[in-house]
Amino acid sequence: MRHIPLLTELNQRIRDVKQGPDGLLYVTTDHEAGAVLRIEPVESAAAN
């Protein structure tokens, strides 16, 4: 298994990742003031 650091600027440990019915990813963090984050794709400039 390979680990790739993502969202390191949060300075929080990722607790769980789930895909929602909308196809987007939802991430929860394991911190006292934790968060639920929605990960959305970004359109590239080449697609325009």
N, C-alpha and C. Protein backbone atom coordinates (compact mmCIF):
# COMPACT_ATOMS: atom_id res chain seq x y z
N MET A 1 0.85 -1.17 0.00
CA MET A 1 0.00 0.00 0.00
C MET A 1 0.90 1.24 0.00
N ARG A 2 0.49 2.25 -0.73
CA ARG A 2 1.26 3.48 -0.84
C ARG A 2 0.49 4.62 -0.20
N HIS A 3 1.17 5.47 0.56
CA HIS A 3 0.55 6.64 1.18
C HIS A 3 0.92 7.89 0.39
N ILE A 4 -0.07 8.69 0.08
CA ILE A 4 0.15 9.96 -0.61
C ILE A 4 -0.43 11.06 0.26
N PRO A 5 0.40 11.99 0.74
CA PRO A 5 -0.12 13.07 1.59
C PRO A 5 -1.01 14.02 0.80
N LEU A 6 -2.23 14.20 1.29
CA LEU A 6 -3.20 15.12 0.70
C LEU A 6 -3.79 15.98 1.81
N LEU A 7 -4.21 17.17 1.48
CA LEU A 7 -4.87 18.08 2.43
C LEU A 7 -4.00 18.33 3.66
N THR A 8 -2.69 18.33 3.49
CA THR A 8 -1.79 18.51 4.63
C THR A 8 -1.92 19.88 5.28
N GLU A 9 -2.42 20.87 4.53
CA GLU A 9 -2.58 22.22 5.09
C GLU A 9 -3.64 22.27 6.18
N LEU A 10 -4.45 21.24 6.30
CA LEU A 10 -5.46 21.18 7.37
C LEU A 10 -4.82 20.94 8.73
N ASN A 11 -3.67 20.30 8.73
CA ASN A 11 -3.00 19.90 9.98
C ASN A 11 -3.93 19.07 10.86
N GLN A 12 -4.73 18.23 10.22
CA GLN A 12 -5.65 17.33 10.93
C GLN A 12 -5.57 15.96 10.27
N ARG A 13 -5.83 14.93 11.07
CA ARG A 13 -5.83 13.57 10.54
C ARG A 13 -7.18 13.28 9.88
N ILE A 14 -7.13 12.68 8.70
CA ILE A 14 -8.35 12.27 8.00
C ILE A 14 -8.89 11.02 8.70
N ARG A 15 -10.14 11.08 9.11
CA ARG A 15 -10.76 9.98 9.85
C ARG A 15 -11.49 9.02 8.93
N ASP A 16 -12.24 9.56 7.96
CA ASP A 16 -13.05 8.71 7.10
C ASP A 16 -13.29 9.41 5.78
N VAL A 17 -13.46 8.62 4.73
CA VAL A 17 -13.78 9.14 3.40
C VAL A 17 -14.91 8.29 2.84
N LYS A 18 -15.96 8.94 2.38
CA LYS A 18 -17.10 8.25 1.78
C LYS A 18 -17.50 8.95 0.49
N GLN A 19 -18.04 8.19 -0.44
CA GLN A 19 -18.59 8.79 -1.65
C GLN A 19 -20.08 8.99 -1.45
N GLY A 20 -20.54 10.22 -1.69
CA GLY A 20 -21.95 10.54 -1.52
C GLY A 20 -22.76 10.15 -2.74
N PRO A 21 -24.09 10.20 -2.64
CA PRO A 21 -24.95 9.84 -3.76
C PRO A 21 -24.78 10.79 -4.95
N ASP A 22 -24.18 11.95 -4.70
CA ASP A 22 -23.91 12.91 -5.76
C ASP A 22 -22.60 12.61 -6.48
N GLY A 23 -21.88 11.56 -6.06
CA GLY A 23 -20.62 11.17 -6.68
C GLY A 23 -19.41 11.88 -6.11
N LEU A 24 -19.61 12.86 -5.24
CA LEU A 24 -18.50 13.59 -4.64
C LEU A 24 -17.98 12.84 -3.42
N LEU A 25 -16.75 13.18 -3.01
CA LEU A 25 -16.16 12.57 -1.82
C LEU A 25 -16.39 13.46 -0.61
N TYR A 26 -16.70 12.83 0.51
CA TYR A 26 -16.89 13.54 1.79
C TYR A 26 -15.87 13.00 2.77
N VAL A 27 -15.15 13.91 3.41
CA VAL A 27 -14.05 13.57 4.30
C VAL A 27 -14.35 14.13 5.68
N THR A 28 -14.14 13.32 6.72
CA THR A 28 -14.24 13.82 8.08
C THR A 28 -12.84 13.79 8.70
N THR A 29 -12.58 14.78 9.57
CA THR A 29 -11.28 14.86 10.24
C THR A 29 -11.43 14.48 11.70
N ASP A 30 -10.32 14.01 12.26
CA ASP A 30 -10.28 13.53 13.63
C ASP A 30 -9.58 14.58 14.50
N HIS A 31 -10.29 15.63 14.83
CA HIS A 31 -9.73 16.75 15.58
C HIS A 31 -10.83 17.33 16.45
N GLU A 32 -10.47 17.93 17.55
CA GLU A 32 -11.48 18.51 18.45
C GLU A 32 -12.43 19.45 17.72
N ALA A 33 -11.87 20.31 16.90
CA ALA A 33 -12.68 21.21 16.06
C ALA A 33 -12.69 20.66 14.64
N GLY A 34 -13.06 19.38 14.51
CA GLY A 34 -13.01 18.68 13.23
C GLY A 34 -13.94 19.27 12.18
N ALA A 35 -13.89 18.68 11.00
CA ALA A 35 -14.65 19.21 9.89
C ALA A 35 -15.18 18.07 9.03
N VAL A 36 -16.22 18.38 8.27
CA VAL A 36 -16.69 17.52 7.19
C VAL A 36 -16.42 18.30 5.92
N LEU A 37 -15.64 17.72 5.04
CA LEU A 37 -15.23 18.40 3.82
C LEU A 37 -15.83 17.70 2.60
N ARG A 38 -16.23 18.49 1.61
CA ARG A 38 -16.72 17.93 0.35
C ARG A 38 -15.64 18.18 -0.70
N ILE A 39 -15.19 17.12 -1.36
CA ILE A 39 -14.14 17.22 -2.37
C ILE A 39 -14.82 17.23 -3.74
N GLU A 40 -14.62 18.33 -4.45
CA GLU A 40 -15.23 18.50 -5.78
C GLU A 40 -14.15 18.53 -6.85
N PRO A 41 -14.44 18.02 -8.04
CA PRO A 41 -13.46 18.11 -9.12
C PRO A 41 -13.34 19.57 -9.60
N VAL A 42 -12.17 19.89 -10.10
CA VAL A 42 -11.92 21.22 -10.64
C VAL A 42 -11.82 21.09 -12.16
N GLU A 43 -12.54 21.95 -12.85
CA GLU A 43 -12.44 21.93 -14.32
C GLU A 43 -11.09 22.46 -14.72
N SER A 44 -10.43 21.76 -15.63
CA SER A 44 -9.13 22.23 -16.10
C SER A 44 -9.33 23.29 -17.18
N ALA A 45 -8.35 24.15 -17.36
CA ALA A 45 -8.41 25.19 -18.37
C ALA A 45 -8.47 24.58 -19.77
N ALA A 46 -7.90 23.38 -19.95
CA ALA A 46 -7.90 22.73 -21.25
C ALA A 46 -9.30 22.29 -21.67
N ALA A 47 -10.19 22.08 -20.69
CA ALA A 47 -11.55 21.63 -21.00
C ALA A 47 -12.41 22.76 -21.55
N ASN A 48 -11.98 24.02 -21.36
CA ASN A 48 -12.79 25.16 -21.83
C ASN A 48 -12.50 25.53 -23.23
